[in-house]
């Protein structure tokens, strides 16, 4: 199961999660928003992939920086039967979350404000 599509306005930075796809691309600032592709391999110096460590998930095997201009905005747990849970972060917070008890995760997604959408199949 994949998560709901995330769209980004390249002009103003608005983010939209598609709750129901009727076949239209959302518009913002007079232009079509860009659908964010889920990346599953880190290629740069920053670490963006969710990393499971015991009963916790953190972003990056080495924790992702959480600076004012570069940070993880949210982490999402996608479970069986379409259930999902999101945890939102602010700059300065540690992007680490305890996995909810009895929540059977099949995918974890994380969103970096500079480098986009990242996912890990569990």
C-alpha atoms as a PDB file:
ATOM      1  CA  UNK A   1       0.000   0.000   0.000  1.00  0.00           C
ATOM      2  CA  UNK A   2       1.303   3.406  -0.840  1.00  0.00           C
ATOM      3  CA  UNK A   3       0.517   6.625   0.935  1.00  0.00           C
ATOM      4  CA  UNK A   4      -1.672   9.333  -0.447  1.00  0.00           C
ATOM      5  CA  UNK A   5      -0.024  11.506  -3.091  1.00  0.00           C
ATOM      6  CA  UNK A   6       1.677  14.681  -1.878  1.00  0.00           C
ATOM      7  CA  UNK A   7       1.737  17.752  -4.141  1.00  0.00           C
ATOM      8  CA  UNK A   8       3.999  20.790  -3.836  1.00  0.00           C
ATOM      9  CA  UNK A   9       3.568  24.308  -5.190  1.00  0.00           C
ATOM     10  CA  UNK A  10       6.976  25.319  -6.497  1.00  0.00           C
ATOM     11  CA  UNK A  11       6.044  29.023  -6.232  1.00  0.00           C
ATOM     12  CA  UNK A  12       4.862  29.397  -2.639  1.00  0.00           C
ATOM     13  CA  UNK A  13       5.704  26.052  -1.006  1.00  0.00           C
ATOM     14  CA  UNK A  14       2.133  24.952  -0.210  1.00  0.00           C
ATOM     15  CA  UNK A  15       1.845  21.199   0.330  1.00  0.00           C
ATOM     16  CA  UNK A  16      -1.328  19.236  -0.406  1.00  0.00           C
ATOM     17  CA  UNK A  17      -2.180  15.630   0.422  1.00  0.00           C
ATOM     18  CA  UNK A  18      -4.618  14.103  -2.085  1.00  0.00           C
ATOM     19  CA  UNK A  19      -7.393  12.520  -0.023  1.00  0.00           C
ATOM     20  CA  UNK A  20      -9.407  11.376  -3.038  1.00  0.00           C
ATOM     21  CA  UNK A  21      -8.010  11.400  -6.568  1.00  0.00           C
ATOM     22  CA  UNK A  22     -10.660  12.406  -9.123  1.00  0.00           C
ATOM     23  CA  UNK A  23      -8.054  12.645 -11.888  1.00  0.00           C
ATOM     24  CA  UNK A  24      -7.246  16.356 -11.601  1.00  0.00           C
ATOM     25  CA  UNK A  25      -3.918  17.876 -10.582  1.00  0.00           C
ATOM     26  CA  UNK A  26      -4.287  20.525  -7.850  1.00  0.00           C
ATOM     27  CA  UNK A  27      -3.539  24.115  -8.853  1.00  0.00           C
ATOM     28  CA  UNK A  28      -1.797  26.763  -6.776  1.00  0.00           C
ATOM     29  CA  UNK A  29      -0.436  30.213  -7.673  1.00  0.00           C
ATOM     30  CA  UNK A  30      -1.936  29.773 -11.139  1.00  0.00           C
ATOM     31  CA  UNK A  31       0.032  26.599 -11.978  1.00  0.00           C
ATOM     32  CA  UNK A  32      -0.258  22.842 -11.600  1.00  0.00           C
ATOM     33  CA  UNK A  33       1.309  21.539  -8.415  1.00  0.00           C
ATOM     34  CA  UNK A  34       4.131  18.976  -8.656  1.00  0.00           C
ATOM     35  CA  UNK A  35       3.428  15.442  -7.448  1.00  0.00           C
ATOM     36  CA  UNK A  36       6.214  14.401  -5.074  1.00  0.00           C
ATOM     37  CA  UNK A  37       7.905  11.113  -5.943  1.00  0.00           C
ATOM     38  CA  UNK A  38       8.863   8.857  -3.040  1.00  0.00           C
ATOM     39  CA  UNK A  39      12.627   8.423  -2.976  1.00  0.00           C
ATOM     40  CA  UNK A  40      13.954   5.187  -1.528  1.00  0.00           C
ATOM     41  CA  UNK A  41      17.731   5.593  -1.901  1.00  0.00           C
ATOM     42  CA  UNK A  42      19.888   8.283  -0.318  1.00  0.00           C
ATOM     43  CA  UNK A  43      22.427   9.716  -2.732  1.00  0.00           C
ATOM     44  CA  UNK A  44      23.605  12.892  -1.001  1.00  0.00           C
ATOM     45  CA  UNK A  45      25.385  13.678   2.236  1.00  0.00           C
ATOM     46  CA  UNK A  46      22.163  14.224   4.175  1.00  0.00           C
ATOM     47  CA  UNK A  47      20.346  11.170   5.455  1.00  0.00           C
ATOM     48  CA  UNK A  48      16.630  11.171   4.751  1.00  0.00           C
ATOM     49  CA  UNK A  49      15.511   7.549   4.815  1.00  0.00           C
ATOM     50  CA  UNK A  50      13.489   6.383   7.800  1.00  0.00           C
ATOM     51  CA  UNK A  51      15.587   4.079   9.984  1.00  0.00           C
ATOM     52  CA  UNK A  52      14.006   1.585  12.390  1.00  0.00           C
ATOM     53  CA  UNK A  53      15.909   1.110  15.634  1.00  0.00           C
ATOM     54  CA  UNK A  54      14.084  -1.154  18.069  1.00  0.00           C
ATOM     55  CA  UNK A  55      10.742   0.424  18.913  1.00  0.00           C
ATOM     56  CA  UNK A  56      11.715   3.798  17.394  1.00  0.00           C
ATOM     57  CA  UNK A  57      11.931   5.295  13.927  1.00  0.00           C
ATOM     58  CA  UNK A  58      14.381   8.085  13.263  1.00  0.00           C
ATOM     59  CA  UNK A  59      15.114   9.907  10.057  1.00  0.00           C
ATOM     60  CA  UNK A  60      18.535   8.869   8.850  1.00  0.00           C
ATOM     61  CA  UNK A  61      20.842   6.282  10.333  1.00  0.00           C
ATOM     62  CA  UNK A  62      22.687   9.407  11.448  1.00  0.00           C
ATOM     63  CA  UNK A  63      19.850  11.713  12.535  1.00  0.00           C
ATOM     64  CA  UNK A  64      18.844  14.323   9.975  1.00  0.00           C
ATOM     65  CA  UNK A  65      19.683  17.943  10.907  1.00  0.00           C
ATOM     66  CA  UNK A  66      16.771  20.010  12.153  1.00  0.00           C
ATOM     67  CA  UNK A  67      17.818  23.542  11.248  1.00  0.00           C
ATOM     68  CA  UNK A  68      15.536  26.517  10.639  1.00  0.00           C
ATOM     69  CA  UNK A  69      16.033  26.278   6.858  1.00  0.00           C
ATOM     70  CA  UNK A  70      16.460  22.485   6.535  1.00  0.00           C
ATOM     71  CA  UNK A  71      14.427  20.009   8.541  1.00  0.00           C
ATOM     72  CA  UNK A  72      12.089  17.015   8.507  1.00  0.00           C
ATOM     73  CA  UNK A  73       8.531  18.367   8.482  1.00  0.00           C
ATOM     74  CA  UNK A  74       6.755  15.089   9.239  1.00  0.00           C
ATOM     75  CA  UNK A  75       6.968  11.315   9.524  1.00  0.00           C
ATOM     76  CA  UNK A  76       4.058   9.074   8.554  1.00  0.00           C
ATOM     77  CA  UNK A  77       3.402   5.470   9.557  1.00  0.00           C
ATOM     78  CA  UNK A  78       1.221   3.628   7.023  1.00  0.00           C
ATOM     79  CA  UNK A  79      -0.362   0.493   8.412  1.00  0.00           C
ATOM     80  CA  UNK A  80      -2.593  -2.323   7.372  1.00  0.00           C
ATOM     81  CA  UNK A  81      -6.124  -1.545   6.170  1.00  0.00           C
ATOM     82  CA  UNK A  82      -5.128   1.969   5.070  1.00  0.00           C
ATOM     83  CA  UNK A  83      -4.612   3.395   8.555  1.00  0.00           C
ATOM     84  CA  UNK A  84      -1.953   6.099   8.794  1.00  0.00           C
ATOM     85  CA  UNK A  85      -0.475   8.236  11.556  1.00  0.00           C
ATOM     86  CA  UNK A  86       1.617  11.401  11.117  1.00  0.00           C
ATOM     87  CA  UNK A  87       3.960  13.154  13.509  1.00  0.00           C
ATOM     88  CA  UNK A  88       4.880  16.759  12.635  1.00  0.00           C
ATOM     89  CA  UNK A  89       8.192  18.340  13.664  1.00  0.00           C
ATOM     90  CA  UNK A  90       9.594  21.828  14.111  1.00  0.00           C
ATOM     91  CA  UNK A  91      13.198  22.928  13.596  1.00  0.00           C
ATOM     92  CA  UNK A  92      15.264  22.011  16.645  1.00  0.00           C
ATOM     93  CA  UNK A  93      13.254  18.878  17.485  1.00  0.00           C
ATOM     94  CA  UNK A  94      14.758  15.413  17.027  1.00  0.00           C
ATOM     95  CA  UNK A  95      13.111  13.522  14.125  1.00  0.00           C
ATOM     96  CA  UNK A  96      12.616  10.340  16.162  1.00  0.00           C
ATOM     97  CA  UNK A  97       9.278   8.726  17.020  1.00  0.00           C
ATOM     98  CA  UNK A  98       8.254   5.734  19.102  1.00  0.00           C
ATOM     99  CA  UNK A  99       6.328   3.218  17.004  1.00  0.00           C
ATOM    100  CA  UNK A 100       2.744   3.006  18.292  1.00  0.00           C
ATOM    101  CA  UNK A 101       2.097  -0.244  20.154  1.00  0.00           C
ATOM    102  CA  UNK A 102       0.187  -2.849  18.125  1.00  0.00           C
ATOM    103  CA  UNK A 103       0.376  -0.703  14.943  1.00  0.00           C
ATOM    104  CA  UNK A 104       1.442  -2.991  12.101  1.00  0.00           C
ATOM    105  CA  UNK A 105       3.518  -0.718   9.847  1.00  0.00           C
ATOM    106  CA  UNK A 106       3.928  -1.583   6.184  1.00  0.00           C
ATOM    107  CA  UNK A 107       5.552   1.702   5.101  1.00  0.00           C
ATOM    108  CA  UNK A 108       7.176   4.751   6.683  1.00  0.00           C
ATOM    109  CA  UNK A 109       7.381   8.092   4.867  1.00  0.00           C
ATOM    110  CA  UNK A 110       9.270  11.253   5.808  1.00  0.00           C
ATOM    111  CA  UNK A 111       9.174  14.716   4.250  1.00  0.00           C
ATOM    112  CA  UNK A 112      12.214  17.022   4.179  1.00  0.00           C
ATOM    113  CA  UNK A 113      11.410  20.654   3.411  1.00  0.00           C
ATOM    114  CA  UNK A 114      14.387  20.842   0.983  1.00  0.00           C
ATOM    115  CA  UNK A 115      14.786  17.317  -0.376  1.00  0.00           C
ATOM    116  CA  UNK A 116      11.209  16.048  -0.632  1.00  0.00           C
ATOM    117  CA  UNK A 117       9.475  12.777   0.115  1.00  0.00           C
ATOM    118  CA  UNK A 118      11.293   9.639   1.276  1.00  0.00           C
ATOM    119  CA  UNK A 119       9.925   6.177   2.065  1.00  0.00           C
ATOM    120  CA  UNK A 120      10.843   2.812   3.486  1.00  0.00           C
ATOM    121  CA  UNK A 121       8.846  -0.398   2.973  1.00  0.00           C
ATOM    122  CA  UNK A 122       8.784  -2.362   6.240  1.00  0.00           C
END
